[in-house]
Amino acid sequence: MSTRSVTAAGREFELVAEPPRTSLTDEAHTLWGFNVEVREGGQVVAVKTCFVGRVTVQARHPEALAGTAEDIAAVVHQMAFDKIEEGLATGGVDDALVFA
């Protein structure tokens, strides 16, 4: 499980990501989806449902697509964490869809 500690708007949060899921296919995966719990003081204060597309991964981290499932998970989690952190900085502490 990937995690990141974040300080945003004077508050301390921990982001905890579930493993990414994708549709069953024999072709290259085009979209990864997963939930990220936003925790404050150990309590879940929001759940972000995240989606990261293949085109975005290919543009920013093309090496991940040639790697293992763990390589892809690490990249899509970090991309989602970056987007969630931006939202937390502007007060976005609520359940939401996140497209990274």
PDB file of N, CA and C in Angstrom:
ATOM      1  N   MET A   1       0.851  -1.171   0.000  1.00  0.00           N
ATOM      2  CA  MET A   1       0.000   0.000   0.000  1.00  0.00           C
ATOM      3  C   MET A   1       0.901   1.240   0.000  1.00  0.00           C
ATOM      4  N   SER A   2       0.591   2.175  -0.873  1.00  0.00           N
ATOM      5  CA  SER A   2       1.357   3.414  -0.942  1.00  0.00           C
ATOM      6  C   SER A   2       0.762   4.449  -0.005  1.00  0.00           C
ATOM      7  N   THR A   3       1.640   5.220   0.617  1.00  0.00           N
ATOM      8  CA  THR A   3       1.189   6.289   1.505  1.00  0.00           C
ATOM      9  C   THR A   3       2.033   7.538   1.275  1.00  0.00           C
ATOM     10  N   ARG A   4       1.476   8.670   1.674  1.00  0.00           N
ATOM     11  CA  ARG A   4       2.213   9.936   1.664  1.00  0.00           C
ATOM     12  C   ARG A   4       1.680  10.803   2.786  1.00  0.00           C
ATOM     13  N   SER A   5       2.585  11.444   3.521  1.00  0.00           N
ATOM     14  CA  SER A   5       2.201  12.428   4.533  1.00  0.00           C
ATOM     15  C   SER A   5       2.190  13.799   3.871  1.00  0.00           C
ATOM     16  N   VAL A   6       1.171  14.586   4.189  1.00  0.00           N
ATOM     17  CA  VAL A   6       0.966  15.887   3.545  1.00  0.00           C
ATOM     18  C   VAL A   6       0.597  16.917   4.603  1.00  0.00           C
ATOM     19  N   THR A   7       1.184  18.096   4.510  1.00  0.00           N
ATOM     20  CA  THR A   7       0.743  19.241   5.300  1.00  0.00           C
ATOM     21  C   THR A   7       0.111  20.216   4.330  1.00  0.00           C
ATOM     22  N   ALA A   8      -1.164  20.519   4.549  1.00  0.00           N
ATOM     23  CA  ALA A   8      -1.886  21.417   3.651  1.00  0.00           C
ATOM     24  C   ALA A   8      -2.826  22.286   4.472  1.00  0.00           C
ATOM     25  N   ALA A   9      -2.809  23.564   4.172  1.00  0.00           N
ATOM     26  CA  ALA A   9      -3.679  24.524   4.859  1.00  0.00           C
ATOM     27  C   ALA A   9      -3.530  24.407   6.380  1.00  0.00           C
ATOM     28  N   GLY A  10      -2.294  24.163   6.847  1.00  0.00           N
ATOM     29  CA  GLY A  10      -2.024  24.086   8.278  1.00  0.00           C
ATOM     30  C   GLY A  10      -2.484  22.801   8.945  1.00  0.00           C
ATOM     31  N   ARG A  11      -2.859  21.803   8.159  1.00  0.00           N
ATOM     32  CA  ARG A  11      -3.338  20.534   8.705  1.00  0.00           C
ATOM     33  C   ARG A  11      -2.444  19.400   8.213  1.00  0.00           C
ATOM     34  N   GLU A  12      -2.344  18.350   9.041  1.00  0.00           N
ATOM     35  CA  GLU A  12      -1.532  17.176   8.704  1.00  0.00           C
ATOM     36  C   GLU A  12      -2.454  16.059   8.217  1.00  0.00           C
ATOM     37  N   PHE A  13      -2.145  15.520   7.043  1.00  0.00           N
ATOM     38  CA  PHE A  13      -2.930  14.429   6.471  1.00  0.00           C
ATOM     39  C   PHE A  13      -2.009  13.280   6.099  1.00  0.00           C
ATOM     40  N   GLU A  14      -2.590  12.085   6.053  1.00  0.00           N
ATOM     41  CA  GLU A  14      -1.900  10.934   5.492  1.00  0.00           C
ATOM     42  C   GLU A  14      -2.771  10.421   4.354  1.00  0.00           C
ATOM     43  N   LEU A  15      -2.177  10.214   3.195  1.00  0.00           N
ATOM     44  CA  LEU A  15      -2.878   9.661   2.040  1.00  0.00           C
ATOM     45  C   LEU A  15      -2.521   8.184   1.947  1.00  0.00           C
ATOM     46  N   VAL A  16      -3.539   7.333   1.866  1.00  0.00           N
ATOM     47  CA  VAL A  16      -3.331   5.885   1.830  1.00  0.00           C
ATOM     48  C   VAL A  16      -4.070   5.333   0.609  1.00  0.00           C
ATOM     49  N   ALA A  17      -3.296   4.801  -0.339  1.00  0.00           N
ATOM     50  CA  ALA A  17      -3.874   4.328  -1.599  1.00  0.00           C
ATOM     51  C   ALA A  17      -4.092   2.824  -1.595  1.00  0.00           C
ATOM     52  N   GLU A  18      -5.216   2.409  -2.163  1.00  0.00           N
ATOM     53  CA  GLU A  18      -5.482   0.997  -2.411  1.00  0.00           C
ATOM     54  C   GLU A  18      -4.722   0.581  -3.670  1.00  0.00           C
ATOM     55  N   PRO A  19      -4.537  -0.713  -3.882  1.00  0.00           N
ATOM     56  CA  PRO A  19      -3.904  -1.159  -5.132  1.00  0.00           C
ATOM     57  C   PRO A  19      -4.753  -0.728  -6.338  1.00  0.00           C
ATOM     58  N   PRO A  20      -4.102  -0.366  -7.443  1.00  0.00           N
ATOM     59  CA  PRO A  20      -4.866   0.031  -8.630  1.00  0.00           C
ATOM     60  C   PRO A  20      -5.593  -1.159  -9.243  1.00  0.00           C
ATOM     61  N   ARG A  21      -6.740  -0.862  -9.817  1.00  0.00           N
ATOM     62  CA  ARG A  21      -7.531  -1.864 -10.518  1.00  0.00           C
ATOM     63  C   ARG A  21      -7.674  -1.423 -11.968  1.00  0.00           C
ATOM     64  N   THR A  22      -7.856  -2.393 -12.825  1.00  0.00           N
ATOM     65  CA  THR A  22      -8.073  -2.110 -14.235  1.00  0.00           C
ATOM     66  C   THR A  22      -9.018  -3.162 -14.785  1.00  0.00           C
ATOM     67  N   SER A  23      -9.552  -2.926 -15.957  1.00  0.00           N
ATOM     68  CA  SER A  23     -10.459  -3.898 -16.554  1.00  0.00           C
ATOM     69  C   SER A  23      -9.670  -5.101 -17.062  1.00  0.00           C
ATOM     70  N   LEU A  24     -10.319  -6.241 -17.126  1.00  0.00           N
ATOM     71  CA  LEU A  24      -9.681  -7.439 -17.656  1.00  0.00           C
ATOM     72  C   LEU A  24      -9.641  -7.335 -19.172  1.00  0.00           C
ATOM     73  N   THR A  25      -8.458  -7.466 -19.714  1.00  0.00           N
ATOM     74  CA  THR A  25      -8.294  -7.373 -21.153  1.00  0.00           C
ATOM     75  C   THR A  25      -6.992  -8.041 -21.562  1.00  0.00           C
ATOM     76  N   ASP A  26      -6.934  -8.471 -22.795  1.00  0.00           N
ATOM     77  CA  ASP A  26      -5.693  -9.001 -23.339  1.00  0.00           C
ATOM     78  C   ASP A  26      -4.863  -7.889 -23.961  1.00  0.00           C
ATOM     79  N   GLU A  27      -5.450  -6.736 -24.106  1.00  0.00           N
ATOM     80  CA  GLU A  27      -4.773  -5.570 -24.679  1.00  0.00           C
ATOM     81  C   GLU A  27      -4.095  -4.768 -23.560  1.00  0.00           C
ATOM     82  N   ALA A  28      -3.339  -3.760 -23.957  1.00  0.00           N
ATOM     83  CA  ALA A  28      -2.701  -2.871 -22.975  1.00  0.00           C
ATOM     84  C   ALA A  28      -3.778  -2.138 -22.176  1.00  0.00           C
ATOM     85  N   HIS A  29      -3.572  -2.006 -20.889  1.00  0.00           N
ATOM     86  CA  HIS A  29      -4.527  -1.308 -20.038  1.00  0.00           C
ATOM     87  C   HIS A  29      -4.530   0.175 -20.392  1.00  0.00           C
ATOM     88  N   THR A  30      -5.710   0.776 -20.353  1.00  0.00           N
ATOM     89  CA  THR A  30      -5.833   2.194 -20.722  1.00  0.00           C
ATOM     90  C   THR A  30      -6.223   3.075 -19.552  1.00  0.00           C
ATOM     91  N   LEU A  31      -6.656   2.472 -18.435  1.00  0.00           N
ATOM     92  CA  LEU A  31      -7.106   3.262 -17.293  1.00  0.00           C
ATOM     93  C   LEU A  31      -6.914   2.462 -16.010  1.00  0.00           C
ATOM     94  N   TRP A  32      -6.388   3.129 -14.994  1.00  0.00           N
ATOM     95  CA  TRP A  32      -6.255   2.526 -13.672  1.00  0.00           C
ATOM     96  C   TRP A  32      -7.139   3.300 -12.713  1.00  0.00           C
ATOM     97  N   GLY A  33      -7.836   2.586 -11.836  1.00  0.00           N
ATOM     98  CA  GLY A  33      -8.703   3.213 -10.847  1.00  0.00           C
ATOM     99  C   GLY A  33      -8.414   2.659  -9.466  1.00  0.00           C
ATOM    100  N   PHE A  34      -8.558   3.514  -8.461  1.00  0.00           N
ATOM    101  CA  PHE A  34      -8.301   3.095  -7.081  1.00  0.00           C
ATOM    102  C   PHE A  34      -8.795   4.185  -6.142  1.00  0.00           C
ATOM    103  N   ASN A  35      -9.015   3.812  -4.892  1.00  0.00           N
ATOM    104  CA  ASN A  35      -9.403   4.774  -3.858  1.00  0.00           C
ATOM    105  C   ASN A  35      -8.187   5.196  -3.057  1.00  0.00           C
ATOM    106  N   VAL A  36      -8.198   6.439  -2.613  1.00  0.00           N
ATOM    107  CA  VAL A  36      -7.196   6.951  -1.692  1.00  0.00           C
ATOM    108  C   VAL A  36      -7.939   7.494  -0.480  1.00  0.00           C
ATOM    109  N   GLU A  37      -7.622   6.949   0.692  1.00  0.00           N
ATOM    110  CA  GLU A  37      -8.191   7.483   1.933  1.00  0.00           C
ATOM    111  C   GLU A  37      -7.369   8.685   2.370  1.00  0.00           C
ATOM    112  N   VAL A  38      -8.049   9.761   2.729  1.00  0.00           N
ATOM    113  CA  VAL A  38      -7.398  10.931   3.309  1.00  0.00           C
ATOM    114  C   VAL A  38      -7.661  10.843   4.804  1.00  0.00           C
ATOM    115  N   ARG A  39      -6.583  10.692   5.569  1.00  0.00           N
ATOM    116  CA  ARG A  39      -6.713  10.530   7.015  1.00  0.00           C
ATOM    117  C   ARG A  39      -6.128  11.740   7.733  1.00  0.00           C
ATOM    118  N   GLU A  40      -6.801  12.097   8.816  1.00  0.00           N
ATOM    119  CA  GLU A  40      -6.317  13.174   9.689  1.00  0.00           C
ATOM    120  C   GLU A  40      -6.437  12.664  11.114  1.00  0.00           C
ATOM    121  N   GLY A  41      -5.317  12.628  11.822  1.00  0.00           N
ATOM    122  CA  GLY A  41      -5.330  12.100  13.184  1.00  0.00           C
ATOM    123  C   GLY A  41      -5.743  10.643  13.238  1.00  0.00           C
ATOM    124  N   GLY A  42      -5.433   9.884  12.185  1.00  0.00           N
ATOM    125  CA  GLY A  42      -5.779   8.471  12.142  1.00  0.00           C
ATOM    126  C   GLY A  42      -7.190   8.170  11.678  1.00  0.00           C
ATOM    127  N   GLN A  43      -8.027   9.195  11.536  1.00  0.00           N
ATOM    128  CA  GLN A  43      -9.419   9.023  11.106  1.00  0.00           C
ATOM    129  C   GLN A  43      -9.560   9.342   9.626  1.00  0.00           C
ATOM    130  N   VAL A  44     -10.358   8.563   8.919  1.00  0.00           N
ATOM    131  CA  VAL A  44     -10.624   8.840   7.513  1.00  0.00           C
ATOM    132  C   VAL A  44     -11.571  10.034   7.432  1.00  0.00           C
ATOM    133  N   VAL A  45     -11.118  11.108   6.763  1.00  0.00           N
ATOM    134  CA  VAL A  45     -11.938  12.315   6.623  1.00  0.00           C
ATOM    135  C   VAL A  45     -12.471  12.468   5.206  1.00  0.00           C
ATOM    136  N   ALA A  46     -11.920  11.713   4.261  1.00  0.00           N
ATOM    137  CA  ALA A  46     -12.409  11.757   2.880  1.00  0.00           C
ATOM    138  C   ALA A  46     -11.877  10.540   2.138  1.00  0.00           C
ATOM    139  N   VAL A  47     -12.602  10.162   1.096  1.00  0.00           N
ATOM    140  CA  VAL A  47     -12.154   9.123   0.183  1.00  0.00           C
ATOM    141  C   VAL A  47     -12.156   9.723  -1.213  1.00  0.00           C
ATOM    142  N   LYS A  48     -11.007   9.662  -1.848  1.00  0.00           N
ATOM    143  CA  LYS A  48     -10.859  10.165  -3.211  1.00  0.00           C
ATOM    144  C   LYS A  48     -10.824   8.954  -4.145  1.00  0.00           C
ATOM    145  N   THR A  49     -11.739   8.912  -5.099  1.00  0.00           N
ATOM    146  CA  THR A  49     -11.748   7.860  -6.104  1.00  0.00           C
ATOM    147  C   THR A  49     -10.954   8.383  -7.285  1.00  0.00           C
ATOM    148  N   CYS A  50      -9.826   7.730  -7.551  1.00  0.00           N
ATOM    149  CA  CYS A  50      -8.847   8.249  -8.510  1.00  0.00           C
ATOM    150  C   CYS A  50      -8.821   7.428  -9.797  1.00  0.00           C
ATOM    151  N   PHE A  51      -8.609   8.122 -10.903  1.00  0.00           N
ATOM    152  CA  PHE A  51      -8.450   7.503 -12.204  1.00  0.00           C
ATOM    153  C   PHE A  51      -7.231   8.115 -12.874  1.00  0.00           C
ATOM    154  N   VAL A  52      -6.377   7.242 -13.404  1.00  0.00           N
ATOM    155  CA  VAL A  52      -5.191   7.693 -14.125  1.00  0.00           C
ATOM    156  C   VAL A  52      -5.171   6.970 -15.466  1.00  0.00           C
ATOM    157  N   GLY A  53      -5.059   7.731 -16.543  1.00  0.00           N
ATOM    158  CA  GLY A  53      -5.092   7.165 -17.882  1.00  0.00           C
ATOM    159  C   GLY A  53      -3.714   6.819 -18.418  1.00  0.00           C
ATOM    160  N   ARG A  54      -3.703   5.877 -19.340  1.00  0.00           N
ATOM    161  CA  ARG A  54      -2.471   5.413 -19.965  1.00  0.00           C
ATOM    162  C   ARG A  54      -1.737   6.542 -20.675  1.00  0.00           C
ATOM    163  N   VAL A  55      -2.465   7.416 -21.366  1.00  0.00           N
ATOM    164  CA  VAL A  55      -1.827   8.504 -22.112  1.00  0.00           C
ATOM    165  C   VAL A  55      -1.051   9.414 -21.168  1.00  0.00           C
ATOM    166  N   THR A  56      -1.619   9.690 -19.997  1.00  0.00           N
ATOM    167  CA  THR A  56      -0.936  10.537 -19.015  1.00  0.00           C
ATOM    168  C   THR A  56       0.317   9.841 -18.491  1.00  0.00           C
ATOM    169  N   VAL A  57       0.206   8.568 -18.191  1.00  0.00           N
ATOM    170  CA  VAL A  57       1.376   7.817 -17.719  1.00  0.00           C
ATOM    171  C   VAL A  57       2.438   7.794 -18.811  1.00  0.00           C
ATOM    172  N   GLN A  58       2.023   7.544 -20.043  1.00  0.00           N
ATOM    173  CA  GLN A  58       2.973   7.475 -21.148  1.00  0.00           C
ATOM    174  C   GLN A  58       3.692   8.811 -21.354  1.00  0.00           C
ATOM    175  N   ALA A  59       2.975   9.906 -21.163  1.00  0.00           N
ATOM    176  CA  ALA A  59       3.575  11.230 -21.353  1.00  0.00           C
ATOM    177  C   ALA A  59       4.547  11.591 -20.227  1.00  0.00           C
ATOM    178  N   ARG A  60       4.226  11.195 -19.007  1.00  0.00           N
ATOM    179  CA  ARG A  60       5.035  11.621 -17.853  1.00  0.00           C
ATOM    180  C   ARG A  60       6.047  10.582 -17.377  1.00  0.00           C
ATOM    181  N   HIS A  61       5.687   9.299 -17.486  1.00  0.00           N
ATOM    182  CA  HIS A  61       6.553   8.221 -16.981  1.00  0.00           C
ATOM    183  C   HIS A  61       6.498   7.016 -17.922  1.00  0.00           C
ATOM    184  N   PRO A  62       6.949   7.166 -19.159  1.00  0.00           N
ATOM    185  CA  PRO A  62       6.824   6.062 -20.122  1.00  0.00           C
ATOM    186  C   PRO A  62       7.532   4.777 -19.684  1.00  0.00           C
ATOM    187  N   GLU A  63       8.581   4.899 -18.889  1.00  0.00           N
ATOM    188  CA  GLU A  63       9.315   3.719 -18.435  1.00  0.00           C
ATOM    189  C   GLU A  63       8.444   2.808 -17.565  1.00  0.00           C
ATOM    190  N   ALA A  64       7.459   3.365 -16.898  1.00  0.00           N
ATOM    191  CA  ALA A  64       6.597   2.559 -16.022  1.00  0.00           C
ATOM    192  C   ALA A  64       5.780   1.553 -16.818  1.00  0.00           C
ATOM    193  N   LEU A  65       5.405   1.917 -18.043  1.00  0.00           N
ATOM    194  CA  LEU A  65       4.580   1.019 -18.855  1.00  0.00           C
ATOM    195  C   LEU A  65       5.335  -0.239 -19.273  1.00  0.00           C
ATOM    196  N   ALA A  66       6.657  -0.167 -19.290  1.00  0.00           N
ATOM    197  CA  ALA A  66       7.464  -1.334 -19.633  1.00  0.00           C
ATOM    198  C   ALA A  66       7.868  -2.125 -18.384  1.00  0.00           C
ATOM    199  N   GLY A  67       7.493  -1.635 -17.222  1.00  0.00           N
ATOM    200  CA  GLY A  67       7.883  -2.263 -15.962  1.00  0.00           C
ATOM    201  C   GLY A  67       6.849  -3.244 -15.450  1.00  0.00           C
ATOM    202  N   THR A  68       6.978  -3.521 -14.176  1.00  0.00           N
ATOM    203  CA  THR A  68       6.093  -4.473 -13.497  1.00  0.00           C
ATOM    204  C   THR A  68       4.812  -3.777 -13.033  1.00  0.00           C
ATOM    205  N   ALA A  69       3.892  -4.567 -12.524  1.00  0.00           N
ATOM    206  CA  ALA A  69       2.658  -4.007 -11.955  1.00  0.00           C
ATOM    207  C   ALA A  69       2.985  -3.082 -10.788  1.00  0.00           C
ATOM    208  N   GLU A  70       4.019  -3.414 -10.027  1.00  0.00           N
ATOM    209  CA  GLU A  70       4.438  -2.564  -8.905  1.00  0.00           C
ATOM    210  C   GLU A  70       4.963  -1.221  -9.401  1.00  0.00           C
ATOM    211  N   ASP A  71       5.672  -1.232 -10.536  1.00  0.00           N
ATOM    212  CA  ASP A  71       6.171   0.019 -11.119  1.00  0.00           C
ATOM    213  C   ASP A  71       5.009   0.929 -11.517  1.00  0.00           C
ATOM    214  N   ILE A  72       4.017   0.345 -12.162  1.00  0.00           N
ATOM    215  CA  ILE A  72       2.848   1.133 -12.575  1.00  0.00           C
ATOM    216  C   ILE A  72       2.098   1.645 -11.353  1.00  0.00           C
ATOM    217  N   ALA A  73       1.913   0.789 -10.357  1.00  0.00           N
ATOM    218  CA  ALA A  73       1.202   1.206  -9.141  1.00  0.00           C
ATOM    219  C   ALA A  73       1.898   2.395  -8.493  1.00  0.00           C
ATOM    220  N   ALA A  74       3.216   2.327  -8.379  1.00  0.00           N
ATOM    221  CA  ALA A  74       3.957   3.431  -7.754  1.00  0.00           C
ATOM    222  C   ALA A  74       3.749   4.736  -8.515  1.00  0.00           C
ATOM    223  N   VAL A  75       3.779   4.672  -9.836  1.00  0.00           N
ATOM    224  CA  VAL A  75       3.621   5.888 -10.650  1.00  0.00           C
ATOM    225  C   VAL A  75       2.198   6.439 -10.555  1.00  0.00           C
ATOM    226  N   VAL A  76       1.187   5.589 -10.725  1.00  0.00           N
ATOM    227  CA  VAL A  76      -0.186   6.114 -10.701  1.00  0.00           C
ATOM    228  C   VAL A  76      -0.551   6.627  -9.312  1.00  0.00           C
ATOM    229  N   HIS A  77      -0.039   5.990  -8.261  1.00  0.00           N
ATOM    230  CA  HIS A  77      -0.288   6.488  -6.904  1.00  0.00           C
ATOM    231  C   HIS A  77       0.340   7.861  -6.715  1.00  0.00           C
ATOM    232  N   GLN A  78       1.582   8.038  -7.131  1.00  0.00           N
ATOM    233  CA  GLN A  78       2.250   9.330  -6.962  1.00  0.00           C
ATOM    234  C   GLN A  78       1.546  10.431  -7.749  1.00  0.00           C
ATOM    235  N   MET A  79       1.087  10.099  -8.958  1.00  0.00           N
ATOM    236  CA  MET A  79       0.361  11.092  -9.759  1.00  0.00           C
ATOM    237  C   MET A  79      -0.932  11.503  -9.060  1.00  0.00           C
ATOM    238  N   ALA A  80      -1.643  10.538  -8.500  1.00  0.00           N
ATOM    239  CA  ALA A  80      -2.883  10.845  -7.778  1.00  0.00           C
ATOM    240  C   ALA A  80      -2.585  11.629  -6.503  1.00  0.00           C
ATOM    241  N   PHE A  81      -1.555  11.231  -5.765  1.00  0.00           N
ATOM    242  CA  PHE A  81      -1.185  11.956  -4.542  1.00  0.00           C
ATOM    243  C   PHE A  81      -0.884  13.426  -4.848  1.00  0.00           C
ATOM    244  N   ASP A  82      -0.167  13.678  -5.949  1.00  0.00           N
ATOM    245  CA  ASP A  82       0.141  15.060  -6.332  1.00  0.00           C
ATOM    246  C   ASP A  82      -1.136  15.868  -6.552  1.00  0.00           C
ATOM    247  N   LYS A  83      -2.091  15.273  -7.266  1.00  0.00           N
ATOM    248  CA  LYS A  83      -3.352  15.960  -7.565  1.00  0.00           C
ATOM    249  C   LYS A  83      -4.176  16.173  -6.288  1.00  0.00           C
ATOM    250  N   ILE A  84      -4.222  15.172  -5.421  1.00  0.00           N
ATOM    251  CA  ILE A  84      -4.967  15.292  -4.161  1.00  0.00           C
ATOM    252  C   ILE A  84      -4.333  16.361  -3.278  1.00  0.00           C
ATOM    253  N   GLU A  85      -3.012  16.385  -3.218  1.00  0.00           N
ATOM    254  CA  GLU A  85      -2.322  17.382  -2.403  1.00  0.00           C
ATOM    255  C   GLU A  85      -2.658  18.799  -2.866  1.00  0.00           C
ATOM    256  N   GLU A  86      -2.737  19.009  -4.183  1.00  0.00           N
ATOM    257  CA  GLU A  86      -3.147  20.316  -4.713  1.00  0.00           C
ATOM    258  C   GLU A  86      -4.533  20.698  -4.194  1.00  0.00           C
ATOM    259  N   GLY A  87      -5.453  19.752  -4.221  1.00  0.00           N
ATOM    260  CA  GLY A  87      -6.808  20.017  -3.748  1.00  0.00           C
ATOM    261  C   GLY A  87      -6.878  20.284  -2.263  1.00  0.00           C
ATOM    262  N   LEU A  88      -6.100  19.538  -1.475  1.00  0.00           N
ATOM    263  CA  LEU A  88      -6.085  19.759  -0.028  1.00  0.00           C
ATOM    264  C   LEU A  88      -5.563  21.148   0.313  1.00  0.00           C
ATOM    265  N   ALA A  89      -4.615  21.624  -0.459  1.00  0.00           N
ATOM    266  CA  ALA A  89      -4.039  22.958  -0.213  1.00  0.00           C
ATOM    267  C   ALA A  89      -5.074  24.065  -0.383  1.00  0.00           C
ATOM    268  N   THR A  90      -6.102  23.793  -1.173  1.00  0.00           N
ATOM    269  CA  THR A  90      -7.156  24.801  -1.385  1.00  0.00           C
ATOM    270  C   THR A  90      -8.418  24.457  -0.601  1.00  0.00           C
ATOM    271  N   GLY A  91      -8.299  23.549   0.374  1.00  0.00           N
ATOM    272  CA  GLY A  91      -9.421  23.235   1.254  1.00  0.00           C
ATOM    273  C   GLY A  91     -10.300  22.101   0.774  1.00  0.00           C
ATOM    274  N   GLY A  92      -9.870  21.327  -0.194  1.00  0.00           N
ATOM    275  CA  GLY A  92     -10.688  20.250  -0.744  1.00  0.00           C
ATOM    276  C   GLY A  92     -10.663  18.978   0.065  1.00  0.00           C
ATOM    277  N   VAL A  93     -11.141  19.050   1.306  1.00  0.00           N
ATOM    278  CA  VAL A  93     -11.185  17.865   2.188  1.00  0.00           C
ATOM    279  C   VAL A  93     -12.599  17.302   2.162  1.00  0.00           C
ATOM    280  N   ASP A  94     -12.915  16.610   1.082  1.00  0.00           N
ATOM    281  CA  ASP A  94     -14.213  15.979   0.942  1.00  0.00           C
ATOM    282  C   ASP A  94     -14.072  14.811  -0.024  1.00  0.00           C
ATOM    283  N   ASP A  95     -15.067  13.947  -0.057  1.00  0.00           N
ATOM    284  CA  ASP A  95     -15.055  12.846  -1.017  1.00  0.00           C
ATOM    285  C   ASP A  95     -15.132  13.450  -2.413  1.00  0.00           C
ATOM    286  N   ALA A  96     -14.371  12.866  -3.339  1.00  0.00           N
ATOM    287  CA  ALA A  96     -14.371  13.420  -4.694  1.00  0.00           C
ATOM    288  C   ALA A  96     -13.775  12.421  -5.684  1.00  0.00           C
ATOM    289  N   LEU A  97     -14.081  12.652  -6.959  1.00  0.00           N
ATOM    290  CA  LEU A  97     -13.413  11.966  -8.047  1.00  0.00           C
ATOM    291  C   LEU A  97     -12.178  12.766  -8.393  1.00  0.00           C
ATOM    292  N   VAL A  98     -11.080  12.058  -8.649  1.00  0.00           N
ATOM    293  CA  VAL A  98      -9.816  12.733  -8.991  1.00  0.00           C
ATOM    294  C   VAL A  98      -9.309  12.107 -10.287  1.00  0.00           C
ATOM    295  N   PHE A  99      -9.095  12.953 -11.281  1.00  0.00           N
ATOM    296  CA  PHE A  99      -8.538  12.512 -12.548  1.00  0.00           C
ATOM    297  C   PHE A  99      -7.122  13.056 -12.633  1.00  0.00           C
ATOM    298  N   ALA A 100      -6.146  12.158 -12.546  1.00  0.00           N
ATOM    299  CA  ALA A 100      -4.745  12.603 -12.534  1.00  0.00           C
ATOM    300  C   ALA A 100      -4.101  12.336 -13.887  1.00  0.00           C
TER     301      ALA A 100
END
